[in-house]
């Protein structure tokens, strides 16, 4: 019997930060201001989702781990 990992398709390589940046600017037709506004809106949305998750999740569920809004 083959290992389960071998049956799964290979994950694509993560794009480089420079490639992601170029794609973001290209998506916004070269408008860096619009790109930053989109990123800030995404950040705001994800923080709201994190706050909702914190309210509904106990520390026992995550074995003591708690989420944080800031990078450590």
N, C-alpha and C. Protein backbone atom coordinates (compact mmCIF):
# COMPACT_ATOMS: atom_id res chain seq x y z
N UNK A 1 0.84 -1.17 0.00
CA UNK A 1 0.00 0.00 0.00
C UNK A 1 0.89 1.24 0.00
N UNK A 2 0.55 2.19 -0.85
CA UNK A 2 1.33 3.42 -0.94
C UNK A 2 0.98 4.37 0.20
N UNK A 3 1.95 5.19 0.60
CA UNK A 3 1.65 6.21 1.61
C UNK A 3 0.63 7.21 1.06
N UNK A 4 -0.17 7.76 1.95
CA UNK A 4 -1.22 8.69 1.56
C UNK A 4 -0.64 9.93 0.89
N UNK A 5 0.50 10.42 1.37
CA UNK A 5 1.09 11.63 0.81
C UNK A 5 1.40 11.46 -0.66
N UNK A 6 1.84 10.29 -1.07
CA UNK A 6 2.17 10.06 -2.47
C UNK A 6 0.93 10.14 -3.35
N UNK A 7 -0.26 9.88 -2.80
CA UNK A 7 -1.48 9.91 -3.59
C UNK A 7 -2.00 11.33 -3.79
N UNK A 8 -1.53 12.27 -2.97
CA UNK A 8 -1.97 13.65 -3.09
C UNK A 8 -1.18 14.38 -4.16
N UNK A 9 -1.82 15.29 -4.89
CA UNK A 9 -1.05 16.04 -5.90
C UNK A 9 -0.05 16.97 -5.23
N UNK A 10 1.02 17.23 -5.95
CA UNK A 10 2.04 18.13 -5.42
C UNK A 10 1.47 19.54 -5.30
N UNK A 11 1.83 20.22 -4.22
CA UNK A 11 1.39 21.59 -4.04
C UNK A 11 2.23 22.50 -4.91
N UNK A 12 1.60 23.50 -5.53
CA UNK A 12 2.39 24.43 -6.34
C UNK A 12 3.30 25.26 -5.45
N UNK A 13 4.41 25.66 -5.99
CA UNK A 13 5.34 26.49 -5.23
C UNK A 13 4.71 27.85 -4.98
N UNK A 14 4.96 28.40 -3.81
CA UNK A 14 4.43 29.73 -3.47
C UNK A 14 5.14 30.78 -4.32
N UNK A 15 4.38 31.73 -4.84
CA UNK A 15 5.04 32.78 -5.64
C UNK A 15 5.92 33.65 -4.77
N UNK A 16 6.92 34.23 -5.37
CA UNK A 16 7.83 35.11 -4.63
C UNK A 16 7.08 36.39 -4.25
N UNK A 17 7.52 37.06 -3.19
CA UNK A 17 6.88 38.33 -2.81
C UNK A 17 6.90 39.35 -3.96
N UNK A 18 7.97 39.37 -4.72
CA UNK A 18 8.06 40.30 -5.85
C UNK A 18 7.01 39.97 -6.91
N UNK A 19 6.81 38.68 -7.18
CA UNK A 19 5.80 38.27 -8.16
C UNK A 19 4.40 38.63 -7.67
N UNK A 20 4.15 38.43 -6.36
CA UNK A 20 2.84 38.80 -5.81
C UNK A 20 2.61 40.31 -5.92
N UNK A 21 3.64 41.09 -5.62
CA UNK A 21 3.55 42.54 -5.72
C UNK A 21 3.24 42.96 -7.15
N UNK A 22 3.98 42.40 -8.11
CA UNK A 22 3.76 42.74 -9.51
C UNK A 22 2.35 42.36 -9.97
N UNK A 23 1.85 41.23 -9.53
CA UNK A 23 0.49 40.81 -9.88
C UNK A 23 -0.54 41.75 -9.28
N UNK A 24 -0.32 42.18 -8.04
CA UNK A 24 -1.23 43.12 -7.39
C UNK A 24 -1.30 44.44 -8.15
N UNK A 25 -0.16 44.98 -8.51
CA UNK A 25 -0.12 46.24 -9.25
C UNK A 25 -0.74 46.06 -10.64
N UNK A 26 -0.47 44.95 -11.28
CA UNK A 26 -1.04 44.68 -12.60
C UNK A 26 -2.57 44.57 -12.51
N UNK A 27 -3.07 43.93 -11.46
CA UNK A 27 -4.52 43.77 -11.25
C UNK A 27 -5.19 45.14 -11.13
N UNK A 28 -4.50 46.09 -10.52
CA UNK A 28 -5.05 47.43 -10.32
C UNK A 28 -4.60 48.40 -11.42
N UNK A 29 -4.17 47.86 -12.54
CA UNK A 29 -3.79 48.65 -13.72
C UNK A 29 -2.73 49.71 -13.38
N UNK A 30 -1.78 49.36 -12.53
CA UNK A 30 -0.68 50.24 -12.19
C UNK A 30 -1.00 51.28 -11.13
N UNK A 31 -2.20 51.26 -10.58
CA UNK A 31 -2.60 52.25 -9.58
C UNK A 31 -2.22 51.74 -8.18
N UNK A 32 -1.07 52.22 -7.68
CA UNK A 32 -0.58 51.76 -6.38
C UNK A 32 -1.51 52.18 -5.25
N UNK A 33 -2.14 53.36 -5.37
CA UNK A 33 -3.08 53.83 -4.35
C UNK A 33 -4.25 52.87 -4.21
N UNK A 34 -4.80 52.43 -5.33
CA UNK A 34 -5.92 51.47 -5.30
C UNK A 34 -5.47 50.14 -4.71
N UNK A 35 -4.25 49.73 -5.02
CA UNK A 35 -3.73 48.47 -4.48
C UNK A 35 -3.62 48.53 -2.96
N UNK A 36 -3.11 49.64 -2.44
CA UNK A 36 -2.97 49.79 -0.99
C UNK A 36 -4.34 49.83 -0.33
N UNK A 37 -5.30 50.53 -0.95
CA UNK A 37 -6.65 50.58 -0.40
C UNK A 37 -7.28 49.18 -0.34
N UNK A 38 -7.05 48.38 -1.37
CA UNK A 38 -7.58 47.01 -1.39
C UNK A 38 -6.94 46.18 -0.29
N UNK A 39 -5.63 46.31 -0.12
CA UNK A 39 -4.94 45.55 0.92
C UNK A 39 -5.42 45.96 2.32
N UNK A 40 -5.65 47.25 2.53
CA UNK A 40 -6.16 47.71 3.83
C UNK A 40 -7.57 47.18 4.08
N UNK A 41 -8.40 47.16 3.05
CA UNK A 41 -9.76 46.62 3.20
C UNK A 41 -9.70 45.13 3.52
N UNK A 42 -8.80 44.40 2.86
CA UNK A 42 -8.63 42.97 3.15
C UNK A 42 -8.17 42.76 4.58
N UNK A 43 -7.23 43.58 5.03
CA UNK A 43 -6.72 43.49 6.40
C UNK A 43 -7.84 43.74 7.40
N UNK A 44 -8.65 44.77 7.15
CA UNK A 44 -9.77 45.10 8.03
C UNK A 44 -10.76 43.93 8.10
N UNK A 45 -11.07 43.34 6.95
CA UNK A 45 -11.99 42.21 6.91
C UNK A 45 -11.43 41.02 7.69
N UNK A 46 -10.16 40.72 7.50
CA UNK A 46 -9.57 39.57 8.20
C UNK A 46 -9.50 39.79 9.71
N UNK A 47 -9.26 41.03 10.14
CA UNK A 47 -9.28 41.33 11.58
C UNK A 47 -10.67 41.14 12.15
N UNK A 48 -11.71 41.51 11.39
CA UNK A 48 -13.09 41.28 11.84
C UNK A 48 -13.36 39.78 11.96
N UNK A 49 -12.90 39.02 11.00
CA UNK A 49 -13.10 37.57 11.05
C UNK A 49 -12.35 36.96 12.24
N UNK A 50 -11.15 37.46 12.52
CA UNK A 50 -10.39 36.98 13.67
C UNK A 50 -11.11 37.32 14.97
N UNK A 51 -11.69 38.51 15.05
CA UNK A 51 -12.43 38.90 16.26
C UNK A 51 -13.64 37.99 16.47
N UNK A 52 -14.35 37.66 15.40
CA UNK A 52 -15.49 36.74 15.51
C UNK A 52 -15.04 35.36 15.96
N UNK A 53 -13.92 34.92 15.43
CA UNK A 53 -13.38 33.61 15.81
C UNK A 53 -12.98 33.59 17.28
N UNK A 54 -12.36 34.67 17.75
CA UNK A 54 -11.97 34.74 19.16
C UNK A 54 -13.19 34.64 20.07
N UNK A 55 -14.28 35.27 19.68
CA UNK A 55 -15.48 35.24 20.51
C UNK A 55 -16.09 33.84 20.59
N UNK A 56 -15.97 33.08 19.53
CA UNK A 56 -16.62 31.78 19.48
C UNK A 56 -15.74 30.61 19.84
N UNK A 57 -14.48 30.84 20.17
CA UNK A 57 -13.55 29.75 20.37
C UNK A 57 -12.98 29.81 21.80
N UNK A 58 -13.04 28.70 22.49
CA UNK A 58 -12.49 28.67 23.84
C UNK A 58 -11.03 28.23 23.80
N UNK A 59 -10.28 28.54 24.85
CA UNK A 59 -8.87 28.13 24.88
C UNK A 59 -8.74 26.62 25.03
N UNK A 60 -9.75 25.97 25.58
CA UNK A 60 -9.72 24.52 25.68
C UNK A 60 -9.79 23.87 24.30
N UNK A 61 -10.49 24.50 23.39
CA UNK A 61 -10.62 24.00 22.03
C UNK A 61 -9.28 23.99 21.31
N UNK A 62 -8.44 24.97 21.62
CA UNK A 62 -7.15 25.11 20.94
C UNK A 62 -5.97 24.73 21.82
N UNK A 63 -6.24 24.06 22.91
CA UNK A 63 -5.20 23.61 23.84
C UNK A 63 -4.33 24.75 24.35
N UNK A 64 -4.98 25.87 24.70
CA UNK A 64 -4.27 26.98 25.29
C UNK A 64 -3.82 28.06 24.33
N UNK A 65 -3.84 27.77 23.03
CA UNK A 65 -3.41 28.77 22.05
C UNK A 65 -4.49 29.83 21.91
N UNK A 66 -4.09 31.08 21.83
CA UNK A 66 -5.03 32.16 21.54
C UNK A 66 -4.49 32.96 20.36
N UNK A 67 -5.39 33.45 19.55
CA UNK A 67 -4.97 34.23 18.39
C UNK A 67 -4.58 35.63 18.80
N UNK A 68 -3.88 36.31 17.92
CA UNK A 68 -3.41 37.66 18.20
C UNK A 68 -3.58 38.53 16.98
N UNK A 69 -3.91 39.79 17.18
CA UNK A 69 -4.04 40.71 16.06
C UNK A 69 -2.70 41.21 15.58
N UNK A 70 -1.69 41.12 16.40
CA UNK A 70 -0.36 41.64 16.07
C UNK A 70 0.61 40.51 15.81
N UNK A 71 1.60 40.79 14.97
CA UNK A 71 2.65 39.80 14.72
C UNK A 71 3.61 39.82 15.88
N UNK A 72 4.05 38.68 16.28
CA UNK A 72 5.01 38.59 17.38
C UNK A 72 6.42 38.47 16.86
